[in-house]
Protein backbone atom coordinates (compact mmCIF):
# COMPACT_ATOMS: atom_id res chain seq x y z
CA MET A 1 0.00 0.00 0.00
CA SER A 2 2.91 2.38 0.70
CA SER A 3 4.17 2.00 -2.87
CA GLU A 4 0.69 2.76 -4.16
CA VAL A 5 0.46 5.84 -1.96
CA GLU A 6 3.78 7.09 -3.26
CA GLY A 7 2.41 6.82 -6.80
CA TRP A 8 -0.71 8.91 -6.06
CA ASN A 9 -1.24 12.08 -8.12
CA LYS A 10 -3.67 14.84 -7.30
CA VAL A 11 -5.61 14.62 -10.57
CA LEU A 12 -9.03 13.31 -11.49
CA TRP A 13 -8.48 12.52 -15.15
CA GLU A 14 -6.03 9.67 -14.34
CA ARG A 15 -7.36 6.31 -13.20
CA GLN A 16 -5.95 5.52 -9.74
CA PRO A 17 -6.76 2.96 -7.02
CA PHE A 18 -7.95 5.70 -4.66
CA PRO A 19 -11.30 7.43 -4.10
CA ASP A 20 -11.81 10.83 -5.70
CA ASN A 21 -11.61 12.65 -2.36
CA TYR A 22 -8.38 10.97 -1.30
CA ILE A 23 -5.58 13.19 0.06
CA HIS A 24 -2.09 12.02 0.86
CA PRO A 25 -1.60 12.05 4.67
CA ARG A 26 1.68 13.93 4.33
CA SER A 27 0.23 16.64 2.09
CA PHE A 28 -3.14 17.11 3.79
CA LEU A 29 -2.02 20.01 6.01
CA SER A 30 0.95 21.17 3.96
CA SER A 31 -1.14 23.86 2.21
CA LEU A 32 -2.85 25.02 5.37
CA ARG A 33 -2.91 28.83 5.62
CA ARG A 34 -4.08 30.86 8.56
CA ASN A 35 -5.59 34.33 7.88
CA PRO A 36 -4.11 34.56 4.35
CA ASN A 37 -5.79 37.86 3.40
CA PHE A 38 -5.68 39.45 6.83
CA LYS A 39 -4.46 43.05 7.05
CA PRO A 40 -4.21 44.26 10.64
CA TYR A 41 -5.82 47.59 11.46
CA THR A 42 -4.13 50.32 13.42
CA TYR A 43 -5.91 52.56 15.89
CA TRP A 44 -5.56 56.13 14.60
CA PRO A 45 -6.46 55.43 10.95
CA LEU A 46 -9.63 53.75 12.25
CA VAL A 47 -10.39 56.80 14.38
CA LEU A 48 -10.06 58.97 11.29
CA LEU A 49 -12.42 56.71 9.34
CA CYS A 50 -14.96 56.85 12.17
CA CYS A 51 -15.08 60.64 11.87
CA ALA A 52 -17.56 60.24 9.00
CA ILE A 53 -19.95 58.35 11.30
CA THR A 54 -19.52 60.96 14.02
CA GLN A 55 -20.25 63.75 11.55
CA HIS A 56 -23.46 62.07 10.44
CA LEU A 57 -24.64 61.48 13.99
CA ALA A 58 -23.86 65.11 14.83
CA THR A 59 -26.09 66.29 11.96
CA ILE A 60 -28.97 64.15 13.26
CA PHE A 61 -28.58 65.51 16.79
CA THR A 62 -28.37 69.06 15.45
CA PHE A 63 -31.58 68.59 13.49
CA LEU A 64 -33.40 67.23 16.55
CA ALA A 65 -32.27 70.20 18.65
CA VAL A 66 -33.48 72.63 15.98
CA PHE A 67 -36.82 70.84 15.79
CA VAL A 68 -37.38 71.08 19.54
CA ARG A 69 -36.57 74.78 19.49
CA LEU A 70 -39.02 75.40 16.65
CA LYS A 71 -41.74 73.35 18.32
CA GLU A 72 -41.36 75.21 21.61
CA ARG A 73 -41.14 78.57 19.77
CA TRP A 74 -37.66 79.23 21.13
CA LEU A 75 -36.31 79.72 17.60
CA ASP A 76 -37.69 82.04 14.96
CA ALA A 77 -38.33 80.17 11.70
CA ARG A 78 -37.04 83.15 9.72
CA VAL A 79 -33.67 82.86 11.44
CA LEU A 80 -33.46 79.17 10.55
CA LEU A 81 -34.45 79.98 6.97
CA TRP A 82 -31.64 82.51 6.59
CA VAL A 83 -29.16 80.15 8.24
CA SER A 84 -30.17 77.44 5.76
CA ILE A 85 -29.77 79.78 2.78
CA LEU A 86 -26.37 81.03 3.91
CA SER A 87 -25.23 77.49 4.71
CA PHE A 88 -26.29 76.36 1.24
CA PHE A 89 -24.25 79.04 -0.51
CA GLY A 90 -21.28 78.48 1.81
CA GLY A 91 -21.34 74.73 1.26
CA TYR A 92 -21.74 75.19 -2.49
CA VAL A 93 -18.74 77.51 -2.68
CA LEU A 94 -16.68 75.04 -0.65
CA TYR A 95 -17.75 72.20 -2.93
CA GLU A 96 -16.77 74.23 -6.01
CA ILE A 97 -13.35 74.95 -4.52
CA LEU A 98 -12.78 71.26 -3.85
CA SER A 99 -14.03 70.36 -7.36
CA CYS A 100 -12.00 72.93 -9.29
CA SER A 101 -9.92 70.15 -10.86
CA ASN A 102 -12.70 69.49 -13.41
CA PRO A 103 -13.90 72.90 -14.73
CA VAL A 104 -15.87 71.55 -17.73
CA ARG A 105 -17.96 69.20 -15.68
CA GLY A 106 -18.25 71.87 -12.97
CA ALA A 107 -19.76 74.36 -15.42
CA PHE A 108 -22.34 71.81 -16.47
CA THR A 109 -23.30 70.80 -12.94
CA ARG A 110 -23.40 74.42 -11.79
CA SER A 111 -26.42 75.29 -13.94
CA SER A 112 -28.22 72.05 -13.12
CA THR A 113 -27.60 72.58 -9.41
CA ILE A 114 -29.12 76.09 -9.51
CA LYS A 115 -32.19 74.81 -11.37
CA SER A 116 -32.65 71.90 -8.98
CA SER A 117 -32.23 74.16 -5.95
CA LEU A 118 -34.86 76.61 -7.18
CA LEU A 119 -37.23 73.73 -7.94
CA VAL A 120 -36.82 72.24 -4.45
CA PHE A 121 -37.20 75.65 -2.83
CA LEU A 122 -40.46 76.42 -4.67
CA ALA A 123 -41.82 72.89 -4.19
CA LEU A 124 -41.27 73.00 -0.44
CA MET A 125 -42.81 76.45 -0.24
CA GLY A 126 -45.96 75.23 -2.00
CA LEU A 127 -46.21 71.98 -0.05
CA SER A 128 -45.69 73.46 3.41
CA PRO A 129 -49.44 73.86 4.20
CA VAL A 130 -50.00 70.24 3.16
CA LEU A 131 -47.08 68.93 5.19
CA ARG A 132 -48.22 70.79 8.30
CA THR A 133 -51.52 68.84 8.35
CA LEU A 134 -50.07 65.57 7.06
CA THR A 135 -50.25 63.70 10.38
CA ALA A 136 -53.04 65.64 12.08
CA ALA A 137 -54.96 62.42 12.83
CA THR A 138 -51.91 60.61 14.25
CA SER A 139 -50.94 60.69 17.90
CA SER A 140 -47.68 62.30 18.91
CA ASP A 141 -46.35 59.09 20.48
CA SER A 142 -46.62 57.32 17.13
CA ILE A 143 -44.83 60.21 15.43
CA TRP A 144 -41.92 60.11 17.90
CA ALA A 145 -41.55 56.33 17.53
CA LEU A 146 -41.73 56.46 13.73
CA SER A 147 -39.22 59.29 13.59
CA ALA A 148 -36.78 57.45 15.87
CA CYS A 149 -36.98 54.30 13.73
CA LEU A 150 -36.44 56.27 10.52
CA PHE A 151 -33.43 58.13 11.90
CA LEU A 152 -31.98 54.84 13.12
CA LEU A 153 -32.46 53.41 9.63
CA ASN A 154 -30.83 56.51 8.20
CA ALA A 155 -27.75 56.10 10.39
CA LEU A 156 -27.43 52.37 9.61
CA LEU A 157 -27.75 52.71 5.82
CA ALA A 158 -25.73 55.90 5.32
CA ASP A 159 -22.71 55.75 3.06
CA TYR A 160 -19.62 56.42 5.15
CA SER A 161 -17.09 55.42 2.51
CA SER A 162 -14.44 57.79 1.23
CA MET A 163 -14.63 59.64 -2.07
CA LYS A 164 -13.94 57.47 -5.13
CA PRO A 165 -12.55 58.69 -8.44
CA VAL A 166 -15.99 58.20 -10.02
CA PRO A 167 -18.74 58.68 -7.41
CA GLN A 168 -21.39 55.99 -7.53
CA GLU A 169 -24.74 56.34 -5.85
CA ARG A 170 -25.49 53.30 -3.71
CA LEU A 171 -28.94 51.96 -3.04
CA THR A 172 -28.34 52.05 0.72
CA SER A 173 -27.40 55.75 0.61
CA VAL A 174 -30.62 56.54 -1.31
CA LEU A 175 -32.68 54.60 1.23
CA SER A 176 -30.84 56.38 4.05
CA MET A 177 -31.65 59.80 2.59
CA ASN A 178 -35.30 58.87 2.04
CA ALA A 179 -35.59 57.66 5.64
CA ALA A 180 -34.14 60.92 7.00
CA ILE A 181 -36.37 63.12 4.81
CA SER A 182 -39.44 61.07 5.75
CA SER A 183 -38.60 61.42 9.43
CA SER A 184 -38.11 65.17 8.99
CA VAL A 185 -41.47 65.52 7.25
CA VAL A 186 -43.40 63.71 9.99
CA LEU A 187 -41.65 65.82 12.63
CA ALA A 188 -42.35 69.02 10.70
CA SER A 189 -46.04 68.17 10.69
CA ARG A 190 -46.02 68.83 14.45
CA LEU A 191 -44.89 72.45 14.05
CA PRO A 192 -47.33 75.31 14.63
CA ASP A 193 -47.15 77.28 11.34
CA ASP A 194 -46.34 76.89 7.64
CA LEU A 195 -43.15 78.97 7.76
CA ALA A 196 -41.68 76.74 10.47
CA VAL A 197 -42.54 73.64 8.44
CA PHE A 198 -40.91 75.11 5.35
CA ALA A 199 -37.77 76.15 7.22
CA LEU A 200 -37.36 72.79 8.95
CA VAL A 201 -37.87 70.69 5.81
CA LEU A 202 -35.47 72.91 3.87
CA PHE A 203 -32.94 72.52 6.68
CA ALA A 204 -33.45 68.73 6.56
CA VAL A 205 -32.85 68.61 2.79
CA GLN A 206 -29.55 70.38 3.29
CA LEU A 207 -28.45 68.14 6.16
CA PHE A 208 -29.48 64.75 4.79
CA ALA A 209 -29.41 65.19 1.00
CA LEU A 210 -26.70 67.79 0.27
CA PHE A 211 -24.37 67.51 3.24
CA PRO A 212 -23.41 63.82 2.57
CA ILE A 213 -22.15 64.89 -0.88
CA LEU A 214 -19.97 67.56 0.69
CA ARG A 215 -18.84 65.15 3.40
CA HIS A 216 -17.60 62.67 0.80
CA ARG A 217 -15.67 65.46 -0.89
CA LEU A 218 -14.14 66.54 2.42
CA GLN A 219 -12.82 63.04 3.09
CA VAL A 220 -10.09 63.57 0.51
CA THR A 221 -8.87 66.73 2.27
CA PRO A 222 -5.97 66.70 4.78
CA GLN A 223 -6.58 64.85 8.03
CA VAL A 224 -6.40 68.03 10.09
CA ALA A 225 -9.33 69.51 8.15
CA GLN A 226 -11.42 66.38 8.72
CA ILE A 227 -10.69 66.41 12.45
CA LEU A 228 -11.53 70.10 12.80
CA PHE A 229 -14.73 69.65 10.80
CA THR A 230 -15.82 66.71 12.95
CA LEU A 231 -15.03 68.62 16.14
CA THR A 232 -17.01 71.64 14.91
CA LEU A 233 -20.12 69.57 14.18
CA CYS A 234 -19.92 67.83 17.56
CA VAL A 235 -19.57 71.15 19.40
CA ILE A 236 -22.53 72.65 17.51
CA SER A 237 -24.81 69.71 18.27
CA PHE A 238 -23.70 69.62 21.92
CA ALA A 239 -24.12 73.39 22.37
CA LEU A 240 -27.63 73.29 20.87
CA THR A 241 -28.66 70.40 23.11
CA VAL A 242 -27.29 71.56 26.47
CA PRO A 243 -29.94 74.30 27.02
CA LEU A 244 -32.67 71.80 26.21
CA SER A 245 -31.49 68.87 28.33
CA VAL A 246 -28.15 68.38 30.04
CA SER A 247 -28.76 64.63 30.37
CA VAL A 248 -29.37 64.23 26.65
CA ALA A 249 -26.28 66.32 25.91
CA TYR A 250 -24.17 63.97 28.05
CA ILE A 251 -25.67 61.01 26.20
CA TYR A 252 -24.69 62.63 22.90
CA ALA A 253 -21.16 63.19 24.19
CA GLY A 254 -20.96 59.54 25.27
CA ILE A 255 -22.10 58.40 21.82
CA PHE A 256 -19.50 60.60 20.12
CA ILE A 257 -16.70 59.29 22.33
CA THR A 258 -17.80 55.68 21.91
CA VAL A 259 -18.11 55.83 18.13
CA THR A 260 -14.95 57.83 17.55
CA PHE A 261 -12.50 56.41 20.12
CA VAL A 262 -13.87 53.31 21.88
CA ALA A 263 -15.19 51.37 18.87
CA PRO A 264 -11.87 51.50 16.93
CA GLY A 265 -10.05 50.33 20.04
CA VAL A 266 -12.42 47.37 20.42
CA LEU A 267 -11.88 46.42 16.77
CA VAL A 268 -8.09 46.58 17.12
CA TRP A 269 -8.28 44.49 20.31
CA ALA A 270 -10.55 41.88 18.69
CA GLN A 271 -8.17 41.30 15.78
CA LYS A 272 -6.13 38.82 17.80
CA TYR A 273 -9.12 36.46 17.91
CA LYS A 274 -9.44 36.30 14.13
CA ASN A 275 -8.69 32.75 12.98
CA GLU A 276 -9.57 32.02 9.38
CA ILE A 277 -8.20 28.72 8.04
CA ARG A 278 -7.73 28.16 4.31
CA GLY A 279 -6.60 24.98 2.59
CA PRO A 280 -6.84 22.92 -0.58
CA TRP A 281 -10.35 21.82 0.39
CA ASP A 282 -11.74 25.34 -0.14
CA VAL A 283 -13.30 26.56 -3.33
CA ALA A 284 -10.74 28.27 -5.55
CA VAL A 285 -10.96 32.07 -5.43
CA PRO A 286 -9.79 33.87 -8.60
CA ARG A 287 -7.39 36.79 -8.15
CA LEU A 288 -8.04 39.71 -10.44
CA ASN A 289 -5.66 42.62 -10.87
């Protein structure tokens, strides 16, 4: 039998006195590989990648603080409207500066952006009376629960990836934006007047539809700019929440610290438990350049 084993070849087209699934005892574990495609993460690059998540959460918390102020009449809707308009032009100028490497495409998108912005502005202005009475027959408890679920869905499905050479719209990012806008609409229906509804929905469109585009563009900027931008958003959301509820503000701060600093540390710590075994018994995986 030993002479027969020595004459065994790992082929199926040749007739041999062995079953098809036979493996030589000496070569069974010779091709064993442990974590072949594993690339260990380091802490600070992960912290920098988590800044995108922190920025998105800060925008959600900022929107909720603005909604509470409008609902309690602590914020004039006209002030929010002017802040939204100025933020739009400021963000657009910043986006144009970051996109100056492609002037031909920028000239084309500039006109389409102005047309789309005017269309959205006029559409929201006309639909504000309808949106204000959209959930008049629904209890407030149901509105709060629905809004919380939609914002949670928005945070889970948001696109936190860095900017690619050719931006591609993902289905999850579209669903995330739709969830945030839907949540904003149902919350706006609880506001007292049409101007407040219009200002809040316009503010939501900027935060959840336009800001992610700018955020992706900012991810290719130097790391210092990303850190300062993340810190600014966190400070704004925290400062807007503290006068409303100190407890909620501390919860926000805990979430920011956990997402930005604790979660990357947990991932780096858990890498030592990764144990993926590959061998000749696995399905062949093609390697494409």
